[in-house]
């Protein structure tokens, strides 16, 4: 960003160029520059062709014809240029003096007087250069103005955000109660984890007994039905070496070959039908905590009752959850509001309000300086 001194320097240069540009009629500038650039290119091309012809040693006939045709084409373009100059004069796009200067340069070129033509063209060369410098200076002024305005907008947005943040209020009691609800739900999650861990650590025969005893199928449909349960219990009672293992240990037998399995269970086909037929069940039990089994949901009364009635230490937690959930949406709204405010405060903490206000005053001064009518 420019300083005040740099802006003044830029404005002085711009106004200096502007005064010089004023010597050229405003409605003629574009046409004069356009015609000047056309004539400059023609002069360069014609001089290039002439030099090429001079520097060729013993050229063949075809090459001479080629150069001659190119030269003739360029002189034809010069004629068209002069017609264009006359047309622009008739339209009032250039003055008589400017038109005569263009024609004078063209005449000198035709008479093979390139050096005098260049000397005469210096007038237009200065106009081309002046026009380019003026355009660059004007664009630099505009770009600096845009840059300052963008910075002004950025600072104003920050100050507005700071002001709005100061007006924000939060019901801290509601926030506290929602945090209390979250804490108790978290406690219940830990109780669930402990309970599931105790289940999957049990020997499978005891686990099946618990599934029946506590009607756990009501809470997770993937548990076996009555007929499957009967078959499994009969098998494990006949083969207690399997029944005393937990689900994870039991799953190790699923990879046994027929021969290896026969050493521990003569009825291999029965094992595969009854136990491996429930392979998904035992594999699911190993990762039961990742399933929806007894997933904590404060709005599910059946789940809440299970924890309160059947798991030690959960009753008071459930009661507290039920008390707090009555207004939980109102509590959560304030909780989320505080989080948003704290996040915004953190984002704005790197700014000083006093410094931003001072910077804004400085920016406005620079914009005013840039847009003032005259340089100081």
Protein backbone atom coordinates (compact mmCIF):
# COMPACT_ATOMS: atom_id res chain seq x y z
CA UNK A 1 0.00 0.00 0.00
CA UNK A 2 1.34 3.44 -0.98
CA UNK A 3 2.21 6.11 1.56
CA UNK A 4 0.79 9.65 1.37
CA UNK A 5 4.10 10.87 -0.06
CA UNK A 6 4.07 8.19 -2.77
CA UNK A 7 0.47 9.01 -3.67
CA UNK A 8 1.33 12.71 -4.02
CA UNK A 9 4.28 11.82 -6.24
CA UNK A 10 2.04 9.62 -8.38
CA UNK A 11 -0.59 12.35 -8.65
CA UNK A 12 1.98 14.98 -9.63
CA UNK A 13 3.27 12.74 -12.39
CA UNK A 14 -0.27 11.97 -13.53
CA UNK A 15 -1.33 15.63 -13.62
CA UNK A 16 1.89 16.56 -15.43
CA UNK A 17 1.13 13.98 -18.13
CA UNK A 18 -2.50 15.06 -18.20
CA UNK A 19 -1.48 18.70 -18.89
CA UNK A 20 0.74 17.55 -21.73
CA UNK A 21 -2.07 15.40 -23.11
CA UNK A 22 -4.37 18.43 -23.05
CA UNK A 23 -2.33 19.89 -25.92
CA UNK A 24 -3.88 17.16 -28.06
CA UNK A 25 -7.60 17.50 -28.63
CA UNK A 26 -9.31 14.90 -26.43
CA UNK A 27 -11.55 13.64 -29.26
CA UNK A 28 -8.50 13.26 -31.53
CA UNK A 29 -6.18 11.37 -29.18
CA UNK A 30 -7.32 7.84 -29.98
CA UNK A 31 -7.21 8.37 -33.76
CA UNK A 32 -3.80 10.12 -33.71
CA UNK A 33 -2.25 7.30 -31.62
CA UNK A 34 -3.84 4.63 -33.82
CA UNK A 35 -2.59 6.25 -37.06
CA UNK A 36 0.82 6.93 -35.53
CA UNK A 37 1.30 3.28 -34.58
CA UNK A 38 0.19 2.18 -38.08
CA UNK A 39 2.65 4.57 -39.73
CA UNK A 40 5.46 3.52 -37.38
CA UNK A 41 5.03 -0.13 -38.33
CA UNK A 42 4.92 0.74 -42.04
CA UNK A 43 8.15 2.76 -41.75
CA UNK A 44 9.90 -0.11 -39.97
CA UNK A 45 8.73 -2.67 -42.57
CA UNK A 46 9.71 -0.47 -45.53
CA UNK A 47 13.14 0.27 -44.05
CA UNK A 48 13.64 -3.43 -43.33
CA UNK A 49 12.88 -4.38 -46.97
CA UNK A 50 15.20 -1.65 -48.30
CA UNK A 51 18.06 -2.71 -46.03
CA UNK A 52 17.57 -6.32 -47.01
CA UNK A 53 17.84 -5.38 -50.69
CA UNK A 54 21.00 -3.35 -50.08
CA UNK A 55 22.74 -6.04 -48.05
CA UNK A 56 22.12 -8.88 -50.51
CA UNK A 57 25.21 -9.85 -52.45
CA UNK A 58 24.60 -11.10 -55.97
CA UNK A 59 20.91 -11.94 -55.41
CA UNK A 60 19.16 -14.21 -57.91
CA UNK A 61 16.31 -12.97 -60.02
CA UNK A 62 13.60 -14.71 -58.00
CA UNK A 63 14.80 -13.16 -54.75
CA UNK A 64 14.84 -9.69 -56.33
CA UNK A 65 11.28 -10.20 -57.59
CA UNK A 66 10.22 -11.33 -54.12
CA UNK A 67 11.71 -8.25 -52.45
CA UNK A 68 10.27 -5.98 -55.14
CA UNK A 69 6.77 -7.43 -54.64
CA UNK A 70 7.01 -7.01 -50.89
CA UNK A 71 8.15 -3.42 -51.29
CA UNK A 72 5.34 -2.69 -53.74
CA UNK A 73 2.85 -4.18 -51.28
CA UNK A 74 4.13 -1.94 -48.50
CA UNK A 75 3.88 1.18 -50.69
CA UNK A 76 0.33 0.14 -51.52
CA UNK A 77 -0.35 -0.04 -47.78
CA UNK A 78 1.18 3.45 -47.47
CA UNK A 79 -1.28 4.73 -50.07
CA UNK A 80 -4.15 3.14 -48.17
CA UNK A 81 -2.81 4.76 -45.00
CA UNK A 82 -2.90 8.20 -46.65
CA UNK A 83 -6.46 7.55 -47.79
CA UNK A 84 -7.30 6.63 -44.20
CA UNK A 85 -5.72 9.87 -42.93
CA UNK A 86 -7.84 11.90 -45.36
CA UNK A 87 -10.96 9.99 -44.24
CA UNK A 88 -10.26 10.65 -40.55
CA UNK A 89 -9.75 14.37 -41.34
CA UNK A 90 -13.09 14.52 -43.14
CA UNK A 91 -14.79 12.89 -40.15
CA UNK A 92 -13.25 15.52 -37.87
CA UNK A 93 -11.21 12.93 -35.96
CA UNK A 94 -7.89 14.73 -36.63
CA UNK A 95 -6.99 18.37 -37.27
CA UNK A 96 -5.68 19.74 -40.58
CA UNK A 97 -2.22 20.28 -39.07
CA UNK A 98 -2.00 16.67 -37.89
CA UNK A 99 -3.24 15.40 -41.27
CA UNK A 100 -0.57 17.44 -43.09
CA UNK A 101 2.13 16.05 -40.78
CA UNK A 102 1.07 12.46 -41.56
CA UNK A 103 1.02 13.22 -45.31
CA UNK A 104 4.47 14.90 -45.06
CA UNK A 105 6.00 11.79 -43.50
CA UNK A 106 4.38 9.58 -46.14
CA UNK A 107 5.72 11.82 -48.95
CA UNK A 108 9.28 11.69 -47.60
CA UNK A 109 9.09 7.89 -47.39
CA UNK A 110 7.95 7.66 -51.01
CA UNK A 111 10.87 9.87 -52.08
CA UNK A 112 13.24 7.51 -50.31
CA UNK A 113 14.08 10.12 -47.66
CA UNK A 114 13.83 7.87 -44.61
CA UNK A 115 16.00 9.93 -42.24
CA UNK A 116 13.99 13.16 -42.78
CA UNK A 117 10.82 11.04 -42.50
CA UNK A 118 11.99 9.73 -39.14
CA UNK A 119 12.80 13.25 -38.01
CA UNK A 120 9.32 14.40 -39.01
CA UNK A 121 7.76 11.36 -37.33
CA UNK A 122 9.39 12.26 -33.98
CA UNK A 123 6.36 14.46 -33.33
CA UNK A 124 4.10 11.39 -33.44
CA UNK A 125 6.65 9.22 -31.61
CA UNK A 126 6.41 11.60 -28.67
CA UNK A 127 2.60 11.37 -28.78
CA UNK A 128 2.73 7.54 -28.77
CA UNK A 129 5.12 7.50 -25.80
CA UNK A 130 3.20 10.21 -23.97
CA UNK A 131 -0.07 8.31 -24.50
CA UNK A 132 1.43 5.08 -23.15
CA UNK A 133 2.87 6.81 -20.10
CA UNK A 134 -0.44 8.58 -19.47
CA UNK A 135 -2.40 5.29 -19.74
CA UNK A 136 0.04 3.54 -17.40
CA UNK A 137 -0.15 6.39 -14.89
CA UNK A 138 -3.95 6.46 -15.10
CA UNK A 139 -4.18 2.68 -14.58
CA UNK A 140 -1.76 2.89 -11.66
CA UNK A 141 -3.96 5.57 -10.07
CA UNK A 142 -7.06 3.42 -10.55
CA UNK A 143 -5.38 0.25 -9.25
CA UNK A 144 -4.13 2.04 -6.14
CA UNK A 145 -7.63 3.41 -5.61
CA UNK A 146 -9.10 -0.08 -5.90
CA UNK A 147 -6.46 -1.47 -3.54
CA UNK A 148 -7.20 1.20 -0.92
CA UNK A 149 -10.95 0.65 -1.22
CA UNK A 150 -10.49 -3.12 -0.79
CA UNK A 151 -8.43 -2.49 2.34
CA UNK A 152 -11.04 -0.05 3.63
CA UNK A 153 -13.77 -2.66 3.13
CA UNK A 154 -11.68 -5.34 4.87
CA UNK A 155 -11.06 -3.16 7.94
CA UNK A 156 -14.71 -2.03 8.08
CA UNK A 157 -15.84 -5.65 8.05
CA UNK A 158 -13.51 -6.49 10.93
CA UNK A 159 -14.68 -3.50 12.97
CA UNK A 160 -18.33 -4.36 12.25
CA UNK A 161 -17.71 -7.93 13.42
CA UNK A 162 -16.04 -6.62 16.59
CA UNK A 163 -18.96 -4.31 17.28
CA UNK A 164 -21.54 -7.05 16.72
CA UNK A 165 -19.57 -9.43 18.92
CA UNK A 166 -19.62 -6.94 21.78
CA UNK A 167 -23.44 -6.90 21.64
CA UNK A 168 -23.79 -10.70 21.71
CA UNK A 169 -25.16 -12.27 24.91
CA UNK A 170 -25.33 -15.90 26.02
CA UNK A 171 -27.43 -17.60 28.71
CA UNK A 172 -24.59 -19.26 30.60
CA UNK A 173 -26.94 -21.31 32.79
CA UNK A 174 -28.38 -22.98 29.69
CA UNK A 175 -24.86 -23.60 28.43
CA UNK A 176 -23.91 -25.16 31.78
CA UNK A 177 -26.97 -27.44 31.75
CA UNK A 178 -26.26 -28.59 28.19
CA UNK A 179 -22.64 -29.35 29.14
CA UNK A 180 -24.02 -31.30 32.10
CA UNK A 181 -26.21 -33.28 29.69
CA UNK A 182 -23.23 -34.04 27.44
CA UNK A 183 -21.16 -35.11 30.44
CA UNK A 184 -23.82 -37.56 31.60
CA UNK A 185 -24.31 -38.95 28.11
CA UNK A 186 -20.56 -39.49 27.98
CA UNK A 187 -20.69 -41.29 31.31
CA UNK A 188 -23.41 -43.55 29.94
CA UNK A 189 -21.27 -44.24 26.86
CA UNK A 190 -18.46 -45.43 29.14
CA UNK A 191 -20.91 -47.63 31.05
CA UNK A 192 -22.06 -49.11 27.74
CA UNK A 193 -18.44 -49.83 26.77
CA UNK A 194 -17.74 -51.50 30.12
CA UNK A 195 -20.95 -53.57 29.90
CA UNK A 196 -20.25 -54.73 26.33
CA UNK A 197 -16.67 -55.59 27.23
CA UNK A 198 -17.97 -57.75 30.10
CA UNK A 199 -20.35 -59.52 27.71
CA UNK A 200 -17.80 -60.32 25.01
CA UNK A 201 -15.29 -61.49 27.66
CA UNK A 202 -17.76 -64.09 28.99
CA UNK A 203 -17.63 -67.73 27.88
CA UNK A 204 -20.05 -68.08 24.97
CA UNK A 205 -22.33 -70.40 26.91
CA UNK A 206 -22.78 -67.71 29.60
CA UNK A 207 -23.17 -65.01 26.97
CA UNK A 208 -25.99 -66.96 25.31
CA UNK A 209 -27.57 -67.30 28.73
CA UNK A 210 -27.42 -63.53 29.26
CA UNK A 211 -28.94 -62.89 25.82
CA UNK A 212 -31.93 -65.02 26.84
CA UNK A 213 -32.11 -63.89 30.45
CA UNK A 214 -32.11 -60.15 29.66
CA UNK A 215 -33.97 -60.42 26.32
CA UNK A 216 -31.03 -58.75 24.58
CA UNK A 217 -32.46 -59.66 21.19
CA UNK A 218 -35.01 -56.90 21.84
CA UNK A 219 -32.10 -54.45 21.69
CA UNK A 220 -30.19 -56.03 18.84
CA UNK A 221 -31.96 -58.12 16.21
CA UNK A 222 -28.76 -59.85 15.04
CA UNK A 223 -28.72 -61.98 18.17
CA UNK A 224 -29.98 -65.56 17.56
CA UNK A 225 -33.64 -66.51 17.74
CA UNK A 226 -35.13 -69.20 20.00
CA UNK A 227 -34.44 -72.22 17.72
CA UNK A 228 -30.86 -71.19 16.95
CA UNK A 229 -30.27 -70.50 20.62
CA UNK A 230 -31.47 -73.97 21.60
CA UNK A 231 -29.15 -75.63 19.07
CA UNK A 232 -26.16 -73.61 20.19
CA UNK A 233 -26.75 -74.26 23.89
CA UNK A 234 -27.13 -78.02 23.25
CA UNK A 235 -23.90 -78.08 21.27
CA UNK A 236 -21.92 -76.16 23.89
CA UNK A 237 -23.29 -78.35 26.71
CA UNK A 238 -22.05 -81.43 24.84
CA UNK A 239 -18.76 -79.78 23.97
CA UNK A 240 -17.94 -77.66 27.02
CA UNK A 241 -14.39 -77.06 25.71
CA UNK A 242 -16.01 -74.75 23.15
CA UNK A 243 -18.62 -73.33 25.48
CA UNK A 244 -16.08 -72.08 28.00
CA UNK A 245 -14.29 -69.98 25.37
CA UNK A 246 -15.24 -66.39 24.63
CA UNK A 247 -16.38 -65.30 21.17
CA UNK A 248 -12.92 -64.18 20.04
CA UNK A 249 -11.37 -67.51 21.05
CA UNK A 250 -14.19 -69.43 19.40
CA UNK A 251 -13.63 -67.59 16.09
CA UNK A 252 -10.09 -69.05 15.96
CA UNK A 253 -11.59 -72.49 15.16
CA UNK A 254 -13.30 -71.15 12.01
CA UNK A 255 -10.01 -71.29 10.11
CA UNK A 256 -9.23 -74.90 11.06
CA UNK A 257 -8.98 -77.58 8.38
CA UNK A 258 -11.32 -80.57 8.57
CA UNK A 259 -8.55 -82.79 9.93
CA UNK A 260 -7.37 -80.28 12.57
CA UNK A 261 -10.96 -79.59 13.65
CA UNK A 262 -11.68 -83.32 14.08
CA UNK A 263 -9.09 -83.49 16.89
CA UNK A 264 -11.21 -81.17 19.05
CA UNK A 265 -14.68 -82.03 17.72
CA UNK A 266 -15.45 -85.41 16.16
CA UNK A 267 -18.76 -84.06 14.81
CA UNK A 268 -17.11 -81.63 12.40
CA UNK A 269 -20.16 -81.34 10.16
CA UNK A 270 -22.33 -80.45 13.18
CA UNK A 271 -19.78 -77.85 14.30
CA UNK A 272 -19.84 -76.28 10.86
CA UNK A 273 -23.62 -76.29 10.67
CA UNK A 274 -24.45 -75.09 14.21
CA UNK A 275 -21.45 -72.95 15.21
CA UNK A 276 -20.01 -71.81 11.90
CA UNK A 277 -23.56 -71.36 10.66
CA UNK A 278 -23.62 -68.51 13.21
CA UNK A 279 -20.19 -67.24 12.20
CA UNK A 280 -21.50 -63.67 11.62
CA UNK A 281 -22.98 -63.69 15.13
CA UNK A 282 -19.70 -64.54 16.87
CA UNK A 283 -17.65 -62.19 14.67
CA UNK A 284 -20.17 -59.40 15.39
CA UNK A 285 -19.95 -60.06 19.13
CA UNK A 286 -16.18 -59.46 18.94
CA UNK A 287 -16.84 -55.91 17.69
CA UNK A 288 -20.17 -55.37 19.46
CA UNK A 289 -19.18 -51.92 20.72
CA UNK A 290 -19.09 -50.68 17.11
CA UNK A 291 -22.66 -51.82 16.46
CA UNK A 292 -25.95 -50.15 17.41
CA UNK A 293 -26.38 -52.52 20.36
CA UNK A 294 -27.55 -50.42 23.34
CA UNK A 295 -26.37 -47.26 21.57
CA UNK A 296 -26.89 -44.31 23.91
CA UNK A 297 -29.94 -42.32 22.84
CA UNK A 298 -31.53 -40.03 25.42
CA UNK A 299 -34.83 -40.07 23.50
CA UNK A 300 -35.09 -43.88 23.40
CA UNK A 301 -37.02 -44.75 26.57
CA UNK A 302 -36.48 -48.46 26.14
CA UNK A 303 -32.68 -48.04 26.06
CA UNK A 304 -32.76 -45.59 28.97
CA UNK A 305 -34.86 -48.06 31.02
CA UNK A 306 -32.39 -50.86 30.30
CA UNK A 307 -29.48 -48.86 31.68
CA UNK A 308 -31.45 -47.57 34.67
CA UNK A 309 -32.91 -50.97 35.63
CA UNK A 310 -30.17 -53.44 34.76
CA UNK A 311 -26.75 -51.78 34.93
CA UNK A 312 -25.24 -50.84 38.24
CA UNK A 313 -24.37 -47.16 38.61
CA UNK A 314 -26.46 -46.02 35.64
CA UNK A 315 -29.75 -45.15 37.37
CA UNK A 316 -28.76 -41.72 38.70
CA UNK A 317 -27.10 -40.83 35.39
CA UNK A 318 -30.24 -41.76 33.45
CA UNK A 319 -32.42 -39.73 35.84
CA UNK A 320 -30.19 -36.70 35.35
CA UNK A 321 -30.28 -37.13 31.56
CA UNK A 322 -34.08 -37.33 31.63
CA UNK A 323 -34.27 -34.17 33.69
CA UNK A 324 -31.93 -32.20 31.43
CA UNK A 325 -33.29 -33.38 28.09
CA UNK A 326 -36.63 -31.62 28.62
CA UNK A 327 -35.13 -28.31 27.44
CA UNK A 328 -32.13 -29.70 25.59
CA UNK A 329 -32.89 -27.96 22.28
CA UNK A 330 -32.98 -24.58 24.02
CA UNK A 331 -29.81 -25.47 25.93
CA UNK A 332 -28.06 -26.67 22.79
CA UNK A 333 -28.93 -23.47 20.94
CA UNK A 334 -27.13 -21.39 23.58
CA UNK A 335 -24.27 -23.89 23.71
CA UNK A 336 -23.72 -23.68 19.93
CA UNK A 337 -24.10 -19.89 20.07
CA UNK A 338 -21.33 -19.65 22.66
CA UNK A 339 -19.09 -21.88 20.55
CA UNK A 340 -19.63 -19.63 17.53
CA UNK A 341 -18.90 -16.53 19.60
CA UNK A 342 -15.73 -18.03 21.10
CA UNK A 343 -14.51 -19.07 17.66
CA UNK A 344 -15.16 -15.57 16.28
CA UNK A 345 -13.43 -14.01 19.28
CA UNK A 346 -10.40 -16.17 18.66
CA UNK A 347 -10.35 -15.16 14.99
CA UNK A 348 -10.57 -11.46 15.89
CA UNK A 349 -8.17 -11.63 18.85
CA UNK A 350 -5.21 -10.84 16.57
CA UNK A 351 -6.70 -7.40 15.87
CA UNK A 352 -6.68 -4.33 18.11
CA UNK A 353 -9.82 -2.23 17.77
CA UNK A 354 -7.96 1.03 18.39
CA UNK A 355 -5.28 0.15 15.86
CA UNK A 356 -7.87 -0.89 13.26
CA UNK A 357 -9.80 2.35 13.72
CA UNK A 358 -6.59 4.36 13.34
CA UNK A 359 -5.69 2.36 10.23
CA UNK A 360 -9.15 2.99 8.78
CA UNK A 361 -8.77 6.75 9.31
CA UNK A 362 -5.42 6.56 7.53
CA UNK A 363 -6.91 4.63 4.60
CA UNK A 364 -9.76 7.11 4.23
CA UNK A 365 -7.25 9.97 4.22
CA UNK A 366 -5.24 8.27 1.45
CA UNK A 367 -8.39 7.68 -0.63
CA UNK A 368 -9.39 11.31 -0.20
CA UNK A 369 -5.86 12.38 -1.20
CA UNK A 370 -5.90 10.13 -4.25
CA UNK A 371 -9.25 11.48 -5.44
CA UNK A 372 -8.48 15.14 -4.73
CA UNK A 373 -8.55 17.45 -7.77
CA UNK A 374 -5.01 18.78 -7.62
CA UNK A 375 -1.70 17.42 -6.32
CA UNK A 376 -0.14 19.28 -3.42
